Amino acid sequence: MLNRYAFRTNINTDERVHRVACQLCKLQKQSGHAVCRWSIDLDDCDCTLRVEAESVTETDIIRILKKAGLQCSVLSG
């Protein structure tokens, strides 16, 4: 089943985008489940990160990004 998540972040630079890419790749290797698609809206005031993934939870994503020094919280909508 494909899960869709949206997060408020502080990912507002190219360096932070690169860190996200590395962390999501690491998450995929650790969990063995696919992060199918992700994007960051750098023009949005919340720097919204959207993730589509199989068998990966919001908590998994928040944990790995916070561990990398990034701010990440669920964007309720």
PDB file of N, CA and C in Angstrom:
ATOM      1  N   MET A   1       0.827  -1.171   0.000  1.00  0.00           N
ATOM      2  CA  MET A   1       0.000   0.000   0.000  1.00  0.00           C
ATOM      3  C   MET A   1       0.881   1.247   0.000  1.00  0.00           C
ATOM      4  N   LEU A   2       0.534   2.209  -0.816  1.00  0.00           N
ATOM      5  CA  LEU A   2       1.303   3.438  -0.927  1.00  0.00           C
ATOM      6  C   LEU A   2       0.770   4.463   0.069  1.00  0.00           C
ATOM      7  N   ASN A   3       1.653   4.927   0.946  1.00  0.00           N
ATOM      8  CA  ASN A   3       1.300   5.948   1.938  1.00  0.00           C
ATOM      9  C   ASN A   3       1.802   7.298   1.448  1.00  0.00           C
ATOM     10  N   ARG A   4       1.012   8.340   1.693  1.00  0.00           N
ATOM     11  CA  ARG A   4       1.396   9.705   1.310  1.00  0.00           C
ATOM     12  C   ARG A   4       1.464  10.569   2.564  1.00  0.00           C
ATOM     13  N   TYR A   5       2.590  11.259   2.710  1.00  0.00           N
ATOM     14  CA  TYR A   5       2.805  12.088   3.892  1.00  0.00           C
ATOM     15  C   TYR A   5       3.235  13.490   3.476  1.00  0.00           C
ATOM     16  N   ALA A   6       2.927  14.463   4.327  1.00  0.00           N
ATOM     17  CA  ALA A   6       3.384  15.838   4.127  1.00  0.00           C
ATOM     18  C   ALA A   6       3.953  16.339   5.455  1.00  0.00           C
ATOM     19  N   PHE A   7       5.100  17.005   5.366  1.00  0.00           N
ATOM     20  CA  PHE A   7       5.803  17.469   6.563  1.00  0.00           C
ATOM     21  C   PHE A   7       6.197  18.938   6.417  1.00  0.00           C
ATOM     22  N   ARG A   8       6.151  19.650   7.525  1.00  0.00           N
ATOM     23  CA  ARG A   8       6.705  21.006   7.633  1.00  0.00           C
ATOM     24  C   ARG A   8       8.176  20.824   7.993  1.00  0.00           C
ATOM     25  N   THR A   9       9.070  21.508   7.276  1.00  0.00           N
ATOM     26  CA  THR A   9      10.501  21.303   7.494  1.00  0.00           C
ATOM     27  C   THR A   9      11.267  22.626   7.478  1.00  0.00           C
ATOM     28  N   ASN A  10      12.568  22.510   7.715  1.00  0.00           N
ATOM     29  CA  ASN A  10      13.484  23.647   7.534  1.00  0.00           C
ATOM     30  C   ASN A  10      14.417  23.368   6.360  1.00  0.00           C
ATOM     31  N   ILE A  11      13.957  22.592   5.418  1.00  0.00           N
ATOM     32  CA  ILE A  11      14.762  22.222   4.239  1.00  0.00           C
ATOM     33  C   ILE A  11      14.615  23.343   3.219  1.00  0.00           C
ATOM     34  N   ASN A  12      15.526  24.318   3.277  1.00  0.00           N
ATOM     35  CA  ASN A  12      15.399  25.502   2.436  1.00  0.00           C
ATOM     36  C   ASN A  12      16.680  25.848   1.677  1.00  0.00           C
ATOM     37  N   THR A  13      17.619  24.915   1.641  1.00  0.00           N
ATOM     38  CA  THR A  13      18.851  25.126   0.886  1.00  0.00           C
ATOM     39  C   THR A  13      19.177  23.866   0.088  1.00  0.00           C
ATOM     40  N   ASP A  14      20.026  24.023  -0.920  1.00  0.00           N
ATOM     41  CA  ASP A  14      20.441  22.866  -1.720  1.00  0.00           C
ATOM     42  C   ASP A  14      21.160  21.824  -0.862  1.00  0.00           C
ATOM     43  N   GLU A  15      21.939  22.287   0.105  1.00  0.00           N
ATOM     44  CA  GLU A  15      22.666  21.361   0.976  1.00  0.00           C
ATOM     45  C   GLU A  15      21.698  20.521   1.800  1.00  0.00           C
ATOM     46  N   ARG A  16      20.642  21.143   2.291  1.00  0.00           N
ATOM     47  CA  ARG A  16      19.649  20.394   3.070  1.00  0.00           C
ATOM     48  C   ARG A  16      18.852  19.436   2.184  1.00  0.00           C
ATOM     49  N   VAL A  17      18.565  19.841   0.955  1.00  0.00           N
ATOM     50  CA  VAL A  17      17.888  18.944   0.018  1.00  0.00           C
ATOM     51  C   VAL A  17      18.747  17.705  -0.209  1.00  0.00           C
ATOM     52  N   HIS A  18      20.041  17.910  -0.353  1.00  0.00           N
ATOM     53  CA  HIS A  18      20.960  16.785  -0.537  1.00  0.00           C
ATOM     54  C   HIS A  18      20.945  15.866   0.690  1.00  0.00           C
ATOM     55  N   ARG A  19      20.921  16.457   1.882  1.00  0.00           N
ATOM     56  CA  ARG A  19      20.862  15.636   3.111  1.00  0.00           C
ATOM     57  C   ARG A  19      19.591  14.801   3.156  1.00  0.00           C
ATOM     58  N   VAL A  20      18.459  15.394   2.726  1.00  0.00           N
ATOM     59  CA  VAL A  20      17.201  14.650   2.692  1.00  0.00           C
ATOM     60  C   VAL A  20      17.321  13.463   1.747  1.00  0.00           C
ATOM     61  N   ALA A  21      17.870  13.710   0.567  1.00  0.00           N
ATOM     62  CA  ALA A  21      18.032  12.632  -0.414  1.00  0.00           C
ATOM     63  C   ALA A  21      18.856  11.498   0.183  1.00  0.00           C
ATOM     64  N   CYS A  22      19.938  11.822   0.850  1.00  0.00           N
ATOM     65  CA  CYS A  22      20.789  10.800   1.473  1.00  0.00           C
ATOM     66  C   CYS A  22      20.043  10.050   2.569  1.00  0.00           C
ATOM     67  N   GLN A  23      19.296  10.767   3.390  1.00  0.00           N
ATOM     68  CA  GLN A  23      18.584  10.131   4.505  1.00  0.00           C
ATOM     69  C   GLN A  23      17.441   9.246   4.014  1.00  0.00           C
ATOM     70  N   LEU A  24      16.720   9.685   2.991  1.00  0.00           N
ATOM     71  CA  LEU A  24      15.635   8.856   2.466  1.00  0.00           C
ATOM     72  C   LEU A  24      16.181   7.603   1.787  1.00  0.00           C
ATOM     73  N   CYS A  25      17.338   7.739   1.152  1.00  0.00           N
ATOM     74  CA  CYS A  25      17.993   6.568   0.565  1.00  0.00           C
ATOM     75  C   CYS A  25      18.420   5.604   1.669  1.00  0.00           C
ATOM     76  N   LYS A  26      18.976   6.149   2.742  1.00  0.00           N
ATOM     77  CA  LYS A  26      19.392   5.333   3.881  1.00  0.00           C
ATOM     78  C   LYS A  26      18.188   4.629   4.501  1.00  0.00           C
ATOM     79  N   LEU A  27      17.076   5.342   4.646  1.00  0.00           N
ATOM     80  CA  LEU A  27      15.859   4.756   5.197  1.00  0.00           C
ATOM     81  C   LEU A  27      15.388   3.589   4.338  1.00  0.00           C
ATOM     82  N   GLN A  28      15.462   3.767   3.038  1.00  0.00           N
ATOM     83  CA  GLN A  28      15.045   2.713   2.126  1.00  0.00           C
ATOM     84  C   GLN A  28      15.930   1.482   2.278  1.00  0.00           C
ATOM     85  N   LYS A  29      17.225   1.687   2.415  1.00  0.00           N
ATOM     86  CA  LYS A  29      18.153   0.557   2.586  1.00  0.00           C
ATOM     87  C   LYS A  29      17.923  -0.149   3.918  1.00  0.00           C
ATOM     88  N   GLN A  30      17.652   0.621   4.976  1.00  0.00           N
ATOM     89  CA  GLN A  30      17.446   0.046   6.303  1.00  0.00           C
ATOM     90  C   GLN A  30      16.146  -0.740   6.394  1.00  0.00           C
ATOM     91  N   SER A  31      15.081  -0.189   5.818  1.00  0.00           N
ATOM     92  CA  SER A  31      13.771  -0.808   5.978  1.00  0.00           C
ATOM     93  C   SER A  31      13.471  -1.841   4.900  1.00  0.00           C
ATOM     94  N   GLY A  32      14.152  -1.725   3.764  1.00  0.00           N
ATOM     95  CA  GLY A  32      13.886  -2.631   2.661  1.00  0.00           C
ATOM     96  C   GLY A  32      12.606  -2.304   1.920  1.00  0.00           C
ATOM     97  N   HIS A  33      11.999  -1.166   2.245  1.00  0.00           N
ATOM     98  CA  HIS A  33      10.763  -0.767   1.590  1.00  0.00           C
ATOM     99  C   HIS A  33      11.016   0.482   0.751  1.00  0.00           C
ATOM    100  N   ALA A  34      10.219   0.620  -0.258  1.00  0.00           N
ATOM    101  CA  ALA A  34      10.452   1.673  -1.237  1.00  0.00           C
ATOM    102  C   ALA A  34       9.936   3.041  -0.794  1.00  0.00           C
ATOM    103  N   VAL A  35      10.804   4.037  -0.932  1.00  0.00           N
ATOM    104  CA  VAL A  35      10.374   5.425  -0.933  1.00  0.00           C
ATOM    105  C   VAL A  35      10.195   5.713  -2.421  1.00  0.00           C
ATOM    106  N   CYS A  36       8.951   5.710  -2.862  1.00  0.00           N
ATOM    107  CA  CYS A  36       8.659   5.762  -4.296  1.00  0.00           C
ATOM    108  C   CYS A  36       8.915   7.137  -4.907  1.00  0.00           C
ATOM    109  N   ARG A  37       8.555   8.168  -4.151  1.00  0.00           N
ATOM    110  CA  ARG A  37       8.662   9.521  -4.690  1.00  0.00           C
ATOM    111  C   ARG A  37       8.711  10.499  -3.532  1.00  0.00           C
ATOM    112  N   TRP A  38       9.460  11.566  -3.715  1.00  0.00           N
ATOM    113  CA  TRP A  38       9.468  12.619  -2.711  1.00  0.00           C
ATOM    114  C   TRP A  38       9.753  13.941  -3.392  1.00  0.00           C
ATOM    115  N   SER A  39       9.311  15.030  -2.761  1.00  0.00           N
ATOM    116  CA  SER A  39       9.562  16.365  -3.302  1.00  0.00           C
ATOM    117  C   SER A  39       9.550  17.371  -2.154  1.00  0.00           C
ATOM    118  N   ILE A  40      10.202  18.496  -2.404  1.00  0.00           N
ATOM    119  CA  ILE A  40      10.239  19.585  -1.428  1.00  0.00           C
ATOM    120  C   ILE A  40       9.826  20.858  -2.146  1.00  0.00           C
ATOM    121  N   ASP A  41       8.894  21.584  -1.573  1.00  0.00           N
ATOM    122  CA  ASP A  41       8.458  22.856  -2.129  1.00  0.00           C
ATOM    123  C   ASP A  41       9.248  23.962  -1.444  1.00  0.00           C
ATOM    124  N   LEU A  42      10.330  24.375  -2.071  1.00  0.00           N
ATOM    125  CA  LEU A  42      11.201  25.394  -1.485  1.00  0.00           C
ATOM    126  C   LEU A  42      10.571  26.782  -1.496  1.00  0.00           C
ATOM    127  N   ASP A  43       9.545  26.982  -2.315  1.00  0.00           N
ATOM    128  CA  ASP A  43       8.881  28.285  -2.380  1.00  0.00           C
ATOM    129  C   ASP A  43       7.788  28.433  -1.329  1.00  0.00           C
ATOM    130  N   ASP A  44       7.389  27.343  -0.721  1.00  0.00           N
ATOM    131  CA  ASP A  44       6.344  27.342   0.291  1.00  0.00           C
ATOM    132  C   ASP A  44       6.927  27.786   1.638  1.00  0.00           C
ATOM    133  N   CYS A  45       6.163  28.526   2.420  1.00  0.00           N
ATOM    134  CA  CYS A  45       6.669  29.013   3.712  1.00  0.00           C
ATOM    135  C   CYS A  45       6.961  27.868   4.681  1.00  0.00           C
ATOM    136  N   ASP A  46       6.324  26.715   4.507  1.00  0.00           N
ATOM    137  CA  ASP A  46       6.565  25.553   5.368  1.00  0.00           C
ATOM    138  C   ASP A  46       7.645  24.627   4.820  1.00  0.00           C
ATOM    139  N   CYS A  47       8.225  24.972   3.664  1.00  0.00           N
ATOM    140  CA  CYS A  47       9.219  24.100   3.007  1.00  0.00           C
ATOM    141  C   CYS A  47       8.706  22.651   3.030  1.00  0.00           C
ATOM    142  N   THR A  48       7.534  22.457   2.466  1.00  0.00           N
ATOM    143  CA  THR A  48       6.818  21.194   2.572  1.00  0.00           C
ATOM    144  C   THR A  48       7.539  20.055   1.868  1.00  0.00           C
ATOM    145  N   LEU A  49       7.760  18.997   2.634  1.00  0.00           N
ATOM    146  CA  LEU A  49       8.312  17.749   2.115  1.00  0.00           C
ATOM    147  C   LEU A  49       7.150  16.794   1.935  1.00  0.00           C
ATOM    148  N   ARG A  50       6.995  16.283   0.723  1.00  0.00           N
ATOM    149  CA  ARG A  50       5.973  15.274   0.451  1.00  0.00           C
ATOM    150  C   ARG A  50       6.668  13.969   0.117  1.00  0.00           C
ATOM    151  N   VAL A  51       6.189  12.892   0.723  1.00  0.00           N
ATOM    152  CA  VAL A  51       6.792  11.576   0.535  1.00  0.00           C
ATOM    153  C   VAL A  51       5.695  10.567   0.213  1.00  0.00           C
ATOM    154  N   GLU A  52       5.945   9.750  -0.806  1.00  0.00           N
ATOM    155  CA  GLU A  52       5.094   8.600  -1.108  1.00  0.00           C
ATOM    156  C   GLU A  52       5.962   7.372  -0.882  1.00  0.00           C
ATOM    157  N   ALA A  53       5.495   6.466  -0.027  1.00  0.00           N
ATOM    158  CA  ALA A  53       6.322   5.319   0.347  1.00  0.00           C
ATOM    159  C   ALA A  53       5.462   4.118   0.691  1.00  0.00           C
ATOM    160  N   GLU A  54       6.077   2.955   0.586  1.00  0.00           N
ATOM    161  CA  GLU A  54       5.438   1.709   0.984  1.00  0.00           C
ATOM    162  C   GLU A  54       6.008   1.275   2.320  1.00  0.00           C
ATOM    163  N   SER A  55       5.149   1.012   3.275  1.00  0.00           N
ATOM    164  CA  SER A  55       5.525   0.448   4.578  1.00  0.00           C
ATOM    165  C   SER A  55       6.532   1.284   5.348  1.00  0.00           C
ATOM    166  N   VAL A  56       6.546   2.577   5.112  1.00  0.00           N
ATOM    167  CA  VAL A  56       7.372   3.501   5.881  1.00  0.00           C
ATOM    168  C   VAL A  56       6.403   4.433   6.593  1.00  0.00           C
ATOM    169  N   THR A  57       6.621   4.663   7.873  1.00  0.00           N
ATOM    170  CA  THR A  57       5.693   5.492   8.643  1.00  0.00           C
ATOM    171  C   THR A  57       6.173   6.934   8.752  1.00  0.00           C
ATOM    172  N   GLU A  58       5.261   7.808   9.149  1.00  0.00           N
ATOM    173  CA  GLU A  58       5.634   9.199   9.412  1.00  0.00           C
ATOM    174  C   GLU A  58       6.739   9.258  10.451  1.00  0.00           C
ATOM    175  N   THR A  59       6.612   8.425  11.465  1.00  0.00           N
ATOM    176  CA  THR A  59       7.608   8.397  12.541  1.00  0.00           C
ATOM    177  C   THR A  59       8.979   8.013  12.015  1.00  0.00           C
ATOM    178  N   ASP A  60       9.051   7.055  11.101  1.00  0.00           N
ATOM    179  CA  ASP A  60      10.334   6.662  10.506  1.00  0.00           C
ATOM    180  C   ASP A  60      10.992   7.849   9.815  1.00  0.00           C
ATOM    181  N   ILE A  61      10.213   8.573   9.040  1.00  0.00           N
ATOM    182  CA  ILE A  61      10.743   9.709   8.283  1.00  0.00           C
ATOM    183  C   ILE A  61      11.182  10.822   9.218  1.00  0.00           C
ATOM    184  N   ILE A  62      10.348  11.160  10.190  1.00  0.00           N
ATOM    185  CA  ILE A  62      10.695  12.223  11.144  1.00  0.00           C
ATOM    186  C   ILE A  62      11.959  11.854  11.909  1.00  0.00           C
ATOM    187  N   ARG A  63      12.038  10.632  12.372  1.00  0.00           N
ATOM    188  CA  ARG A  63      13.197  10.184  13.156  1.00  0.00           C
ATOM    189  C   ARG A  63      14.496  10.316  12.366  1.00  0.00           C
ATOM    190  N   ILE A  64      14.505   9.847  11.145  1.00  0.00           N
ATOM    191  CA  ILE A  64      15.759   9.852  10.381  1.00  0.00           C
ATOM    192  C   ILE A  64      16.163  11.272   9.962  1.00  0.00           C
ATOM    193  N   LEU A  65      15.192  12.135   9.700  1.00  0.00           N
ATOM    194  CA  LEU A  65      15.538  13.507   9.332  1.00  0.00           C
ATOM    195  C   LEU A  65      16.007  14.310  10.540  1.00  0.00           C
ATOM    196  N   LYS A  66      15.368  14.106  11.689  1.00  0.00           N
ATOM    197  CA  LYS A  66      15.825  14.798  12.906  1.00  0.00           C
ATOM    198  C   LYS A  66      17.215  14.335  13.305  1.00  0.00           C
ATOM    199  N   LYS A  67      17.490  13.056  13.095  1.00  0.00           N
ATOM    200  CA  LYS A  67      18.821  12.524  13.390  1.00  0.00           C
ATOM    201  C   LYS A  67      19.886  13.199  12.520  1.00  0.00           C
ATOM    202  N   ALA A  68      19.479  13.645  11.328  1.00  0.00           N
ATOM    203  CA  ALA A  68      20.385  14.331  10.413  1.00  0.00           C
ATOM    204  C   ALA A  68      20.434  15.843  10.678  1.00  0.00           C
ATOM    205  N   GLY A  69      19.756  16.290  11.747  1.00  0.00           N
ATOM    206  CA  GLY A  69      19.808  17.702  12.122  1.00  0.00           C
ATOM    207  C   GLY A  69      18.796  18.568  11.403  1.00  0.00           C
ATOM    208  N   LEU A  70      17.778  17.956  10.804  1.00  0.00           N
ATOM    209  CA  LEU A  70      16.746  18.714  10.104  1.00  0.00           C
ATOM    210  C   LEU A  70      15.481  18.762  10.946  1.00  0.00           C
ATOM    211  N   GLN A  71      14.730  19.846  10.817  1.00  0.00           N
ATOM    212  CA  GLN A  71      13.444  19.955  11.495  1.00  0.00           C
ATOM    213  C   GLN A  71      12.382  19.342  10.603  1.00  0.00           C
ATOM    214  N   CYS A  72      11.500  18.568  11.215  1.00  0.00           N
ATOM    215  CA  CYS A  72      10.470  17.876  10.448  1.00  0.00           C
ATOM    216  C   CYS A  72       9.300  17.561  11.361  1.00  0.00           C
ATOM    217  N   SER A  73       8.116  18.001  10.971  1.00  0.00           N
ATOM    218  CA  SER A  73       6.912  17.671  11.736  1.00  0.00           C
ATOM    219  C   SER A  73       5.767  17.452  10.742  1.00  0.00           C
ATOM    220  N   VAL A  74       4.796  16.664  11.173  1.00  0.00           N
ATOM    221  CA  VAL A  74       3.657  16.350  10.315  1.00  0.00           C
ATOM    222  C   VAL A  74       2.892  17.620  10.005  1.00  0.00           C
ATOM    223  N   LEU A  75       2.582  17.800   8.749  1.00  0.00           N
ATOM    224  CA  LEU A  75       1.805  18.957   8.294  1.00  0.00           C
ATOM    225  C   LEU A  75       0.357  18.512   8.230  1.00  0.00           C
ATOM    226  N   SER A  76      -0.443  18.992   9.160  1.00  0.00           N
ATOM    227  CA  SER A  76      -1.856  18.593   9.165  1.00  0.00           C
ATOM    228  C   SER A  76      -2.599  19.426   8.150  1.00  0.00           C
ATOM    229  N   GLY A  77      -3.538  18.788   7.537  1.00  0.00           N
ATOM    230  CA  GLY A  77      -4.185  19.539   6.492  1.00  0.00           C
ATOM    231  C   GLY A  77      -5.595  19.256   6.347  1.00  0.00           C
TER     232      GLY A  77
END
